[in-house]
């Protein structure tokens, strides 16, 4: 079966939120990408591991760029969804080069402002979401509810999957 979805998140809260969202597309055989092997094992998910990185670690950032490029060009997903952080944005950038749709859900933890990756997501995502209504505006991101309410309504906008 073709892997249509690449689901990407760093460890911690980003990963936990991605697992919540993944219930909406678990029947589509997603490939998960995270920063710790044990997270995949604990969740019973198929996937790949990349180095965690941020803008303050240029060598790790470069290594993560290479790892993400290899994954995206090997898996060739139709949709990339991420709850953060840097590896998600990197995979989305490479995904756009092969025509993949990108869905960004900014972390629930970002109460006061969008994350740095969330701000970058504005330029490369097809669907750009925040989990806090006061952070949404006409230029985006869009507020559709917190992850738990999205799942309860099964209204996660995976519009790209139907194309």
C-alpha atoms as a PDB file:
ATOM      1  CA  UNK A   1       0.000   0.000   0.000  1.00  0.00           C
ATOM      2  CA  UNK A   2       1.311   3.449  -0.917  1.00  0.00           C
ATOM      3  CA  UNK A   3       2.170   5.634   2.031  1.00  0.00           C
ATOM      4  CA  UNK A   4       0.153   8.780   1.371  1.00  0.00           C
ATOM      5  CA  UNK A   5       0.871  10.562   4.656  1.00  0.00           C
ATOM      6  CA  UNK A   6       4.074  11.576   6.367  1.00  0.00           C
ATOM      7  CA  UNK A   7       3.340  12.553   9.986  1.00  0.00           C
ATOM      8  CA  UNK A   8       6.206  14.476  11.601  1.00  0.00           C
ATOM      9  CA  UNK A   9       6.824  15.699  15.144  1.00  0.00           C
ATOM     10  CA  UNK A  10       9.673  16.208  17.567  1.00  0.00           C
ATOM     11  CA  UNK A  11       9.558  14.404  20.891  1.00  0.00           C
ATOM     12  CA  UNK A  12       7.524  15.589  23.865  1.00  0.00           C
ATOM     13  CA  UNK A  13       4.276  17.456  23.489  1.00  0.00           C
ATOM     14  CA  UNK A  14       4.614  17.718  19.709  1.00  0.00           C
ATOM     15  CA  UNK A  15       4.702  13.916  19.461  1.00  0.00           C
ATOM     16  CA  UNK A  16       1.785  13.440  21.872  1.00  0.00           C
ATOM     17  CA  UNK A  17      -0.337  15.848  19.862  1.00  0.00           C
ATOM     18  CA  UNK A  18       0.598  14.145  16.594  1.00  0.00           C
ATOM     19  CA  UNK A  19      -0.516  10.815  18.036  1.00  0.00           C
ATOM     20  CA  UNK A  20      -3.886  12.364  18.902  1.00  0.00           C
ATOM     21  CA  UNK A  21      -4.286  13.699  15.379  1.00  0.00           C
ATOM     22  CA  UNK A  22      -3.145  10.415  13.822  1.00  0.00           C
ATOM     23  CA  UNK A  23      -6.378   8.752  14.901  1.00  0.00           C
ATOM     24  CA  UNK A  24      -8.028  10.633  12.045  1.00  0.00           C
ATOM     25  CA  UNK A  25      -5.838   8.962   9.392  1.00  0.00           C
ATOM     26  CA  UNK A  26      -4.588   5.725  10.936  1.00  0.00           C
ATOM     27  CA  UNK A  27      -6.305   3.656   8.229  1.00  0.00           C
ATOM     28  CA  UNK A  28      -4.130   5.346   5.582  1.00  0.00           C
ATOM     29  CA  UNK A  29      -0.853   3.726   6.704  1.00  0.00           C
ATOM     30  CA  UNK A  30       1.035   6.876   7.623  1.00  0.00           C
ATOM     31  CA  UNK A  31       4.787   6.931   7.989  1.00  0.00           C
ATOM     32  CA  UNK A  32       5.775   8.660  11.210  1.00  0.00           C
ATOM     33  CA  UNK A  33       8.924  10.723  11.640  1.00  0.00           C
ATOM     34  CA  UNK A  34      10.183  11.692  15.070  1.00  0.00           C
ATOM     35  CA  UNK A  35      13.383  12.361  16.957  1.00  0.00           C
ATOM     36  CA  UNK A  36      13.553   9.310  19.255  1.00  0.00           C
ATOM     37  CA  UNK A  37      13.344   5.650  18.252  1.00  0.00           C
ATOM     38  CA  UNK A  38      11.666   4.643  21.508  1.00  0.00           C
ATOM     39  CA  UNK A  39       8.682   6.895  20.738  1.00  0.00           C
ATOM     40  CA  UNK A  40       7.877   4.848  17.637  1.00  0.00           C
ATOM     41  CA  UNK A  41       8.204   1.586  19.589  1.00  0.00           C
ATOM     42  CA  UNK A  42       6.058   2.800  22.477  1.00  0.00           C
ATOM     43  CA  UNK A  43       3.322   3.967  20.113  1.00  0.00           C
ATOM     44  CA  UNK A  44       3.541   0.879  17.900  1.00  0.00           C
ATOM     45  CA  UNK A  45       4.036   3.030  14.802  1.00  0.00           C
ATOM     46  CA  UNK A  46       6.059   2.510  11.644  1.00  0.00           C
ATOM     47  CA  UNK A  47       8.446   5.289  10.965  1.00  0.00           C
ATOM     48  CA  UNK A  48      11.827   6.903  10.759  1.00  0.00           C
ATOM     49  CA  UNK A  49      14.025   8.813  13.178  1.00  0.00           C
ATOM     50  CA  UNK A  50      15.815  12.094  12.483  1.00  0.00           C
ATOM     51  CA  UNK A  51      18.079  14.220  14.622  1.00  0.00           C
ATOM     52  CA  UNK A  52      16.360  16.807  16.752  1.00  0.00           C
ATOM     53  CA  UNK A  53      17.592  20.278  15.933  1.00  0.00           C
ATOM     54  CA  UNK A  54      16.920  23.966  16.204  1.00  0.00           C
ATOM     55  CA  UNK A  55      18.273  27.204  14.803  1.00  0.00           C
ATOM     56  CA  UNK A  56      20.962  27.349  17.506  1.00  0.00           C
ATOM     57  CA  UNK A  57      22.545  24.051  16.374  1.00  0.00           C
ATOM     58  CA  UNK A  58      23.650  24.568  12.761  1.00  0.00           C
ATOM     59  CA  UNK A  59      25.432  21.223  12.357  1.00  0.00           C
ATOM     60  CA  UNK A  60      22.482  19.235  13.715  1.00  0.00           C
ATOM     61  CA  UNK A  61      20.170  21.352  11.583  1.00  0.00           C
ATOM     62  CA  UNK A  62      22.173  20.464   8.473  1.00  0.00           C
ATOM     63  CA  UNK A  63      22.136  16.775   9.396  1.00  0.00           C
ATOM     64  CA  UNK A  64      18.371  16.923   9.951  1.00  0.00           C
ATOM     65  CA  UNK A  65      17.911  18.615   6.544  1.00  0.00           C
ATOM     66  CA  UNK A  66      19.712  15.720   4.861  1.00  0.00           C
ATOM     67  CA  UNK A  67      17.778  13.077   6.808  1.00  0.00           C
ATOM     68  CA  UNK A  68      14.428  14.732   6.097  1.00  0.00           C
ATOM     69  CA  UNK A  69      15.222  15.105   2.397  1.00  0.00           C
ATOM     70  CA  UNK A  70      16.039  11.397   2.129  1.00  0.00           C
ATOM     71  CA  UNK A  71      12.799  10.449   3.874  1.00  0.00           C
ATOM     72  CA  UNK A  72      10.576  12.732   1.801  1.00  0.00           C
ATOM     73  CA  UNK A  73      12.137  11.669  -1.500  1.00  0.00           C
ATOM     74  CA  UNK A  74      11.930   7.982  -0.534  1.00  0.00           C
ATOM     75  CA  UNK A  75       8.384   7.969   0.866  1.00  0.00           C
ATOM     76  CA  UNK A  76       7.017  10.548  -1.631  1.00  0.00           C
ATOM     77  CA  UNK A  77       3.950  11.396   0.463  1.00  0.00           C
ATOM     78  CA  UNK A  78       0.907  13.197  -0.878  1.00  0.00           C
ATOM     79  CA  UNK A  79       0.392  14.921   2.468  1.00  0.00           C
ATOM     80  CA  UNK A  80       2.764  15.956   5.242  1.00  0.00           C
ATOM     81  CA  UNK A  81       1.233  16.832   8.585  1.00  0.00           C
ATOM     82  CA  UNK A  82       3.152  18.211  11.537  1.00  0.00           C
ATOM     83  CA  UNK A  83       2.521  19.496  15.030  1.00  0.00           C
ATOM     84  CA  UNK A  84       6.094  20.816  15.270  1.00  0.00           C
ATOM     85  CA  UNK A  85       8.900  21.586  15.437  1.00  0.00           C
ATOM     86  CA  UNK A  86      11.958  21.979  13.152  1.00  0.00           C
ATOM     87  CA  UNK A  87      11.880  18.484  11.556  1.00  0.00           C
ATOM     88  CA  UNK A  88       8.239  19.062  10.632  1.00  0.00           C
ATOM     89  CA  UNK A  89       8.987  22.315   8.847  1.00  0.00           C
ATOM     90  CA  UNK A  90      11.972  20.777   7.090  1.00  0.00           C
ATOM     91  CA  UNK A  91       9.936  17.806   5.830  1.00  0.00           C
ATOM     92  CA  UNK A  92       7.192  20.170   4.678  1.00  0.00           C
ATOM     93  CA  UNK A  93       9.722  22.234   2.697  1.00  0.00           C
ATOM     94  CA  UNK A  94      11.005  19.175   0.848  1.00  0.00           C
ATOM     95  CA  UNK A  95       7.458  17.906   0.442  1.00  0.00           C
ATOM     96  CA  UNK A  96       6.415  21.070  -1.353  1.00  0.00           C
ATOM     97  CA  UNK A  97       9.182  20.417  -3.893  1.00  0.00           C
ATOM     98  CA  UNK A  98       7.532  17.111  -4.854  1.00  0.00           C
ATOM     99  CA  UNK A  99       3.984  18.494  -4.828  1.00  0.00           C
ATOM    100  CA  UNK A 100       2.876  17.265  -1.404  1.00  0.00           C
ATOM    101  CA  UNK A 101       0.209  19.137   0.519  1.00  0.00           C
ATOM    102  CA  UNK A 102       1.291  20.421   3.924  1.00  0.00           C
ATOM    103  CA  UNK A 103      -0.767  20.704   7.100  1.00  0.00           C
ATOM    104  CA  UNK A 104       0.655  22.498  10.132  1.00  0.00           C
ATOM    105  CA  UNK A 105      -0.982  22.410  13.557  1.00  0.00           C
ATOM    106  CA  UNK A 106       0.808  24.736  15.947  1.00  0.00           C
ATOM    107  CA  UNK A 107       1.449  23.246  19.359  1.00  0.00           C
ATOM    108  CA  UNK A 108      -1.159  23.551  22.089  1.00  0.00           C
ATOM    109  CA  UNK A 109       1.664  24.800  24.352  1.00  0.00           C
ATOM    110  CA  UNK A 110       2.037  28.011  22.339  1.00  0.00           C
ATOM    111  CA  UNK A 111      -0.547  30.034  24.229  1.00  0.00           C
ATOM    112  CA  UNK A 112       0.906  33.543  23.899  1.00  0.00           C
ATOM    113  CA  UNK A 113       2.247  33.459  20.358  1.00  0.00           C
ATOM    114  CA  UNK A 114       2.898  31.106  17.472  1.00  0.00           C
ATOM    115  CA  UNK A 115       6.054  29.036  17.630  1.00  0.00           C
ATOM    116  CA  UNK A 116       9.014  29.979  15.429  1.00  0.00           C
ATOM    117  CA  UNK A 117       8.243  26.963  13.226  1.00  0.00           C
ATOM    118  CA  UNK A 118       4.572  27.918  13.257  1.00  0.00           C
ATOM    119  CA  UNK A 119       5.436  31.340  11.883  1.00  0.00           C
ATOM    120  CA  UNK A 120       7.463  29.750   9.078  1.00  0.00           C
ATOM    121  CA  UNK A 121       4.597  27.358   8.347  1.00  0.00           C
ATOM    122  CA  UNK A 122       2.564  30.302   7.060  1.00  0.00           C
ATOM    123  CA  UNK A 123       4.641  30.298   3.891  1.00  0.00           C
ATOM    124  CA  UNK A 124       4.680  26.599   3.090  1.00  0.00           C
ATOM    125  CA  UNK A 125       1.516  25.014   4.490  1.00  0.00           C
ATOM    126  CA  UNK A 126      -1.709  24.496   2.597  1.00  0.00           C
ATOM    127  CA  UNK A 127      -3.614  24.282   5.874  1.00  0.00           C
ATOM    128  CA  UNK A 128      -2.244  26.322   8.788  1.00  0.00           C
ATOM    129  CA  UNK A 129      -3.918  25.835  12.157  1.00  0.00           C
ATOM    130  CA  UNK A 130      -3.605  27.178  15.676  1.00  0.00           C
ATOM    131  CA  UNK A 131      -5.173  25.618  18.736  1.00  0.00           C
ATOM    132  CA  UNK A 132      -5.849  28.988  20.354  1.00  0.00           C
ATOM    133  CA  UNK A 133      -8.629  31.182  19.009  1.00  0.00           C
ATOM    134  CA  UNK A 134      -6.936  34.445  20.029  1.00  0.00           C
ATOM    135  CA  UNK A 135      -3.916  33.574  17.827  1.00  0.00           C
ATOM    136  CA  UNK A 136      -6.005  33.250  14.654  1.00  0.00           C
ATOM    137  CA  UNK A 137      -6.679  36.110  12.260  1.00  0.00           C
ATOM    138  CA  UNK A 138      -7.711  36.798   8.674  1.00  0.00           C
ATOM    139  CA  UNK A 139      -4.227  36.081   7.303  1.00  0.00           C
ATOM    140  CA  UNK A 140      -4.003  32.883   9.345  1.00  0.00           C
ATOM    141  CA  UNK A 141      -3.549  30.677  11.114  1.00  0.00           C
ATOM    142  CA  UNK A 142      -7.063  29.323  11.328  1.00  0.00           C
ATOM    143  CA  UNK A 143      -8.651  28.191  14.553  1.00  0.00           C
ATOM    144  CA  UNK A 144     -10.843  25.087  14.325  1.00  0.00           C
ATOM    145  CA  UNK A 145     -10.562  24.082  17.980  1.00  0.00           C
ATOM    146  CA  UNK A 146      -8.052  22.300  20.155  1.00  0.00           C
ATOM    147  CA  UNK A 147      -6.906  18.851  19.066  1.00  0.00           C
ATOM    148  CA  UNK A 148      -9.311  17.049  21.366  1.00  0.00           C
ATOM    149  CA  UNK A 149     -12.303  18.921  19.969  1.00  0.00           C
ATOM    150  CA  UNK A 150     -11.046  18.398  16.409  1.00  0.00           C
ATOM    151  CA  UNK A 151     -10.905  14.670  16.961  1.00  0.00           C
ATOM    152  CA  UNK A 152     -14.260  14.454  18.686  1.00  0.00           C
ATOM    153  CA  UNK A 153     -15.854  16.091  15.644  1.00  0.00           C
ATOM    154  CA  UNK A 154     -13.571  14.307  13.117  1.00  0.00           C
ATOM    155  CA  UNK A 155     -13.272  17.698  11.440  1.00  0.00           C
ATOM    156  CA  UNK A 156      -9.512  17.838  10.977  1.00  0.00           C
ATOM    157  CA  UNK A 157      -9.173  19.486   7.565  1.00  0.00           C
ATOM    158  CA  UNK A 158      -7.282  16.798   5.696  1.00  0.00           C
ATOM    159  CA  UNK A 159      -8.652  18.322   2.524  1.00  0.00           C
ATOM    160  CA  UNK A 160      -5.503  17.488   0.643  1.00  0.00           C
ATOM    161  CA  UNK A 161      -6.160  13.766   1.017  1.00  0.00           C
ATOM    162  CA  UNK A 162      -9.248  13.863  -1.150  1.00  0.00           C
ATOM    163  CA  UNK A 163      -7.413  15.347  -4.134  1.00  0.00           C
END
